[in-house]
Amino acid sequence: MKAIMLAAGVGRRLYGDSKDQPPKALISLGGKTLLQRHVENLLKLGVDELVVVVGYRRQLITEAATQTAIAAGRPGFVRTLHNPRFRGGPVLSLWTAREVLYGGDDVLFMDADVLYHPHMLERLVRSRHATCLLMDNDVDAGEDPVRICLRDGHLVEFGKKVVGDFDRIGEWPGFMKLSPDIARAVGEATERCVDQGRLEVTYEVAMREVMLSHPRGTFGVEDITGVPWIEIDFPSDLWRAEQHVLPRLSERYPETGAA
């Protein structure tokens, strides 16, 4: 299994118009950057490689990735791909990693700006579902969260703005496991967006196209409600990460069995 992590953004919602802020992947909490925490968690789960898509201040992340991999005893575990149009739209970052999506491996998709308990990632990697999303039933209000919608236990809608009747609606933390076939389908959907000039769309749009074009049951869901995590987009998120999520990362959870 290979992991794709998107870390090309500027982080304007968090930092404002500052010109010297670090990439969000290098935010340090509890003496470790988010990138260090990702690498430690992925190595414990046996992931073969982490591919980080970089853009804004890419050299900082590239150097930190190299040092983090060496410190973990796995030189070469992390490599970076450069998205020179990182200000152009999120779908371009996923498109930049299409070689991984087409590589024939299981793929773990991750956002870089999430602080989370390692149990959350373990649930995803060890899930019995070959293709799977994480879902938190505690959905934040507002238009920013990406929502997962289920009907009769099956995924039927996905995105920030959803319409319809659903049995359950939860929030997506930004992590997904893809089988080789579905990874390729996501890569193809991403390429269509770019070829059609739809550069303003989010990568969730390409993912949604794949989800809704495949039979029910293709995409499994693991409920991680109650497991501490937060996506850091705004200053208030950073405060919550420090005050509420970080202190809970030492909580014990039962180990998840293999799929």
Protein backbone atom coordinates (compact mmCIF):
# COMPACT_ATOMS: atom_id res chain seq x y z
CA MET A 1 0.00 0.00 0.00
CA LYS A 2 1.14 3.52 -0.87
CA ALA A 3 -0.11 6.75 0.67
CA ILE A 4 -0.82 10.03 -1.11
CA MET A 5 -0.80 13.15 1.04
CA LEU A 6 -1.80 16.58 -0.26
CA ALA A 7 0.31 19.34 1.30
CA ALA A 8 0.63 21.98 -1.43
CA GLY A 9 -1.66 24.68 -0.08
CA VAL A 10 -0.82 28.10 1.35
CA GLY A 11 -3.08 27.89 4.40
CA ARG A 12 -4.56 31.36 3.94
CA ARG A 13 -7.60 30.65 6.11
CA LEU A 14 -5.31 29.77 9.00
CA TYR A 15 -2.59 32.39 8.57
CA GLY A 16 -4.28 35.21 6.69
CA ASP A 17 -2.09 37.10 4.23
CA SER A 18 1.20 36.33 5.95
CA LYS A 19 3.98 35.56 3.49
CA ASP A 20 6.29 33.56 5.74
CA GLN A 21 4.07 30.98 7.41
CA PRO A 22 5.16 27.34 7.28
CA PRO A 23 3.12 24.81 5.29
CA LYS A 24 0.40 23.33 7.48
CA ALA A 25 2.05 19.90 7.34
CA LEU A 26 4.86 21.41 9.43
CA ILE A 27 2.64 22.72 12.23
CA SER A 28 4.19 21.49 15.47
CA LEU A 29 1.96 20.18 18.26
CA GLY A 30 3.32 18.50 21.35
CA GLY A 31 6.87 18.66 20.02
CA LYS A 32 6.10 16.91 16.71
CA THR A 33 5.01 18.22 13.35
CA LEU A 34 1.92 16.84 11.68
CA LEU A 35 4.21 15.33 9.05
CA GLN A 36 6.22 13.48 11.71
CA ARG A 37 3.03 12.08 13.21
CA HIS A 38 1.79 10.92 9.80
CA VAL A 39 5.06 9.16 9.04
CA GLU A 40 5.17 7.39 12.42
CA ASN A 41 1.58 6.18 12.04
CA LEU A 42 2.05 4.98 8.46
CA LEU A 43 5.23 3.06 9.27
CA LYS A 44 3.54 1.28 12.19
CA LEU A 45 0.80 0.14 9.81
CA GLY A 46 3.22 -1.24 7.24
CA VAL A 47 2.59 1.28 4.47
CA ASP A 48 5.30 0.99 1.80
CA GLU A 49 5.70 4.61 0.75
CA LEU A 50 4.36 8.10 1.43
CA VAL A 51 4.09 10.42 -1.58
CA VAL A 52 3.57 14.05 -0.58
CA VAL A 53 2.27 16.56 -3.12
CA VAL A 54 3.97 19.88 -2.40
CA GLY A 55 3.68 23.41 -3.74
CA TYR A 56 3.88 26.34 -1.34
CA ARG A 57 7.36 26.49 0.24
CA ARG A 58 7.99 23.01 -1.13
CA GLN A 59 11.64 22.93 -0.14
CA LEU A 60 10.72 23.14 3.55
CA ILE A 61 8.49 20.07 3.31
CA THR A 62 10.96 18.16 1.12
CA GLU A 63 13.77 18.70 3.61
CA ALA A 64 11.56 17.89 6.58
CA ALA A 65 10.25 14.73 4.87
CA THR A 66 13.79 13.51 4.20
CA GLN A 67 14.90 14.17 7.78
CA THR A 68 11.75 12.57 9.22
CA ALA A 69 12.21 9.39 7.17
CA ILE A 70 15.87 9.11 8.16
CA ALA A 71 15.04 9.65 11.82
CA ALA A 72 12.43 6.90 11.59
CA GLY A 73 15.01 4.50 10.16
CA ARG A 74 13.41 4.39 6.69
CA PRO A 75 15.39 6.62 4.31
CA GLY A 76 13.46 6.96 1.08
CA PHE A 77 10.09 6.22 2.70
CA VAL A 78 8.85 9.72 1.81
CA ARG A 79 9.13 11.34 -1.59
CA THR A 80 7.56 14.50 -2.93
CA LEU A 81 5.82 15.51 -6.16
CA HIS A 82 5.71 19.18 -7.08
CA ASN A 83 2.48 20.88 -8.09
CA PRO A 84 3.67 24.20 -9.59
CA ARG A 85 0.06 25.38 -9.95
CA PHE A 86 -0.73 24.93 -6.26
CA ARG A 87 -2.70 28.19 -6.21
CA GLY A 88 -4.88 27.02 -9.09
CA GLY A 89 -7.22 24.60 -7.33
CA PRO A 90 -7.14 21.48 -5.12
CA VAL A 91 -7.92 19.07 -7.95
CA LEU A 92 -4.53 19.87 -9.47
CA SER A 93 -2.75 18.45 -6.45
CA LEU A 94 -4.54 15.11 -6.74
CA TRP A 95 -3.88 15.15 -10.51
CA THR A 96 -0.18 15.65 -9.73
CA ALA A 97 -0.21 12.27 -7.93
CA ARG A 98 -1.93 10.38 -10.75
CA GLU A 99 1.14 8.16 -11.26
CA VAL A 100 0.46 6.68 -7.81
CA LEU A 101 -3.24 6.25 -8.55
CA TYR A 102 -2.34 4.38 -11.76
CA GLY A 103 0.41 2.31 -10.15
CA GLY A 104 -1.63 -0.82 -9.40
CA ASP A 105 -1.26 -0.55 -5.62
CA ASP A 106 -3.76 -0.11 -2.84
CA VAL A 107 -3.73 3.63 -2.13
CA LEU A 108 -4.30 5.50 1.10
CA PHE A 109 -5.43 9.08 0.46
CA MET A 110 -4.72 11.62 3.22
CA ASP A 111 -4.98 15.34 3.86
CA ALA A 112 -1.85 16.70 5.52
CA ASP A 113 -3.52 19.17 7.90
CA VAL A 114 -5.24 16.69 10.24
CA LEU A 115 -4.28 15.88 13.83
CA TYR A 116 -5.74 12.52 14.82
CA HIS A 117 -5.45 9.55 17.12
CA PRO A 118 -3.48 6.71 15.45
CA HIS A 119 -6.46 4.39 16.01
CA MET A 120 -8.36 6.32 13.34
CA LEU A 121 -5.86 5.48 10.63
CA GLU A 122 -5.56 1.90 11.85
CA ARG A 123 -9.33 1.44 11.49
CA LEU A 124 -9.09 2.51 7.88
CA VAL A 125 -6.05 0.47 6.88
CA ARG A 126 -7.28 -2.70 8.66
CA SER A 127 -10.87 -2.38 7.43
CA ARG A 128 -12.38 -5.43 5.72
CA HIS A 129 -13.51 -3.09 2.93
CA ALA A 130 -11.05 -2.88 0.04
CA THR A 131 -12.24 0.66 -0.64
CA CYS A 132 -13.31 2.58 2.41
CA LEU A 133 -13.95 6.02 3.91
CA LEU A 134 -13.93 7.16 7.51
CA MET A 135 -17.08 8.76 8.89
CA ASP A 136 -17.68 10.78 12.05
CA ASN A 137 -21.34 11.16 13.05
CA ASP A 138 -20.58 14.43 14.86
CA VAL A 139 -20.78 16.83 11.93
CA ASP A 140 -19.67 20.42 12.42
CA ALA A 141 -22.20 23.05 11.36
CA GLY A 142 -21.55 25.22 8.33
CA GLU A 143 -20.61 24.59 4.72
CA ASP A 144 -16.96 23.62 5.17
CA PRO A 145 -17.19 19.96 6.31
CA VAL A 146 -17.34 17.28 3.61
CA ARG A 147 -20.35 15.10 4.32
CA ILE A 148 -20.87 11.37 3.82
CA CYS A 149 -24.51 10.37 3.35
CA LEU A 150 -25.84 6.83 3.82
CA ARG A 151 -29.11 5.21 2.91
CA ASP A 152 -29.79 1.62 4.00
CA GLY A 153 -26.17 1.44 5.11
CA HIS A 154 -24.75 2.38 1.70
CA LEU A 155 -22.95 5.49 0.53
CA VAL A 156 -25.27 7.52 -1.71
CA GLU A 157 -23.92 11.08 -1.55
CA PHE A 158 -20.65 12.84 -0.79
CA GLY A 159 -19.63 16.50 -0.71
CA LYS A 160 -19.91 19.81 1.08
CA LYS A 161 -23.40 20.60 -0.18
CA VAL A 162 -25.73 17.61 -0.16
CA VAL A 163 -29.44 17.35 -0.92
CA GLY A 164 -31.77 14.42 -0.35
CA ASP A 165 -33.20 12.04 2.24
CA PHE A 166 -30.59 10.05 4.11
CA ASP A 167 -30.54 7.66 7.04
CA ARG A 168 -27.23 9.02 8.31
CA ILE A 169 -25.01 11.99 7.59
CA GLY A 170 -21.47 12.14 8.92
CA GLU A 171 -18.30 14.15 8.39
CA TRP A 172 -15.39 12.88 6.32
CA PRO A 173 -12.00 13.48 8.02
CA GLY A 174 -10.18 13.51 4.69
CA PHE A 175 -8.81 9.94 4.68
CA MET A 176 -9.79 7.17 2.25
CA LYS A 177 -8.50 3.72 1.29
CA LEU A 178 -8.71 2.80 -2.40
CA SER A 179 -8.36 -0.55 -4.12
CA PRO A 180 -6.15 -0.49 -7.25
CA ASP A 181 -9.18 -0.40 -9.58
CA ILE A 182 -10.89 2.42 -7.71
CA ALA A 183 -7.61 4.33 -7.39
CA ARG A 184 -7.31 4.22 -11.19
CA ALA A 185 -10.92 5.37 -11.58
CA VAL A 186 -10.25 8.33 -9.27
CA GLY A 187 -7.15 9.18 -11.31
CA GLU A 188 -9.19 9.10 -14.52
CA ALA A 189 -11.91 11.30 -13.02
CA THR A 190 -9.27 13.77 -11.87
CA GLU A 191 -7.72 13.85 -15.35
CA ARG A 192 -11.14 14.55 -16.87
CA CYS A 193 -11.55 17.56 -14.59
CA VAL A 194 -8.17 18.93 -15.65
CA ASP A 195 -8.64 18.14 -19.37
CA GLN A 196 -12.02 19.91 -19.30
CA GLY A 197 -10.51 22.96 -17.63
CA ARG A 198 -12.48 22.47 -14.41
CA LEU A 199 -9.51 23.53 -12.31
CA GLU A 200 -11.57 25.37 -9.71
CA VAL A 201 -13.27 22.22 -8.40
CA THR A 202 -12.14 20.37 -5.31
CA TYR A 203 -10.77 16.84 -5.53
CA GLU A 204 -13.93 15.68 -3.74
CA VAL A 205 -15.81 16.38 -6.98
CA ALA A 206 -13.69 13.83 -8.85
CA MET A 207 -14.05 11.33 -6.01
CA ARG A 208 -17.82 11.80 -5.96
CA GLU A 209 -18.05 11.04 -9.69
CA VAL A 210 -16.42 7.68 -9.03
CA MET A 211 -18.53 6.93 -5.97
CA LEU A 212 -21.82 7.56 -7.73
CA SER A 213 -20.84 5.66 -10.89
CA HIS A 214 -20.03 2.39 -9.08
CA PRO A 215 -22.47 -0.14 -7.60
CA ARG A 216 -23.68 0.20 -4.03
CA GLY A 217 -21.31 -1.50 -1.65
CA THR A 218 -18.17 -0.58 -3.56
CA PHE A 219 -17.30 2.07 -0.97
CA GLY A 220 -17.37 0.85 2.60
CA VAL A 221 -17.55 3.11 5.64
CA GLU A 222 -15.81 2.85 9.01
CA ASP A 223 -17.48 4.80 11.83
CA ILE A 224 -14.85 6.59 13.92
CA THR A 225 -17.26 8.70 15.99
CA GLY A 226 -15.65 9.53 19.32
CA VAL A 227 -12.07 9.07 18.14
CA PRO A 228 -10.27 12.44 18.53
CA TRP A 229 -9.29 14.24 15.34
CA ILE A 230 -9.42 17.71 13.82
CA GLU A 231 -8.68 19.28 10.46
CA ILE A 232 -6.74 22.51 10.99
CA ASP A 233 -8.14 25.16 8.64
CA PHE A 234 -8.75 28.15 10.92
CA PRO A 235 -7.08 29.69 14.01
CA SER A 236 -9.90 28.28 16.14
CA ASP A 237 -9.06 24.79 14.83
CA LEU A 238 -5.44 25.19 15.91
CA TRP A 239 -6.58 26.20 19.39
CA ARG A 240 -8.90 23.18 19.58
CA ALA A 241 -6.12 20.91 18.35
CA GLU A 242 -3.83 22.09 21.14
CA GLN A 243 -6.40 22.18 23.91
CA HIS A 244 -8.77 19.33 23.15
CA VAL A 245 -7.36 16.85 20.64
CA LEU A 246 -3.67 16.68 21.56
CA PRO A 247 -4.32 15.71 25.22
CA ARG A 248 -6.45 12.76 24.05
CA LEU A 249 -3.90 11.18 21.71
CA SER A 250 -2.62 8.94 24.50
CA GLU A 251 -6.02 7.31 25.03
CA ARG A 252 -6.05 3.53 24.62
CA TYR A 253 -8.15 1.75 22.02
CA PRO A 254 -8.32 -1.97 21.29
CA GLU A 255 -6.15 -3.06 18.38
CA THR A 256 -7.99 -3.56 15.12
CA GLY A 257 -7.68 -7.00 13.57
CA ALA A 258 -6.59 -7.54 10.01
CA ALA A 259 -9.28 -7.31 7.34
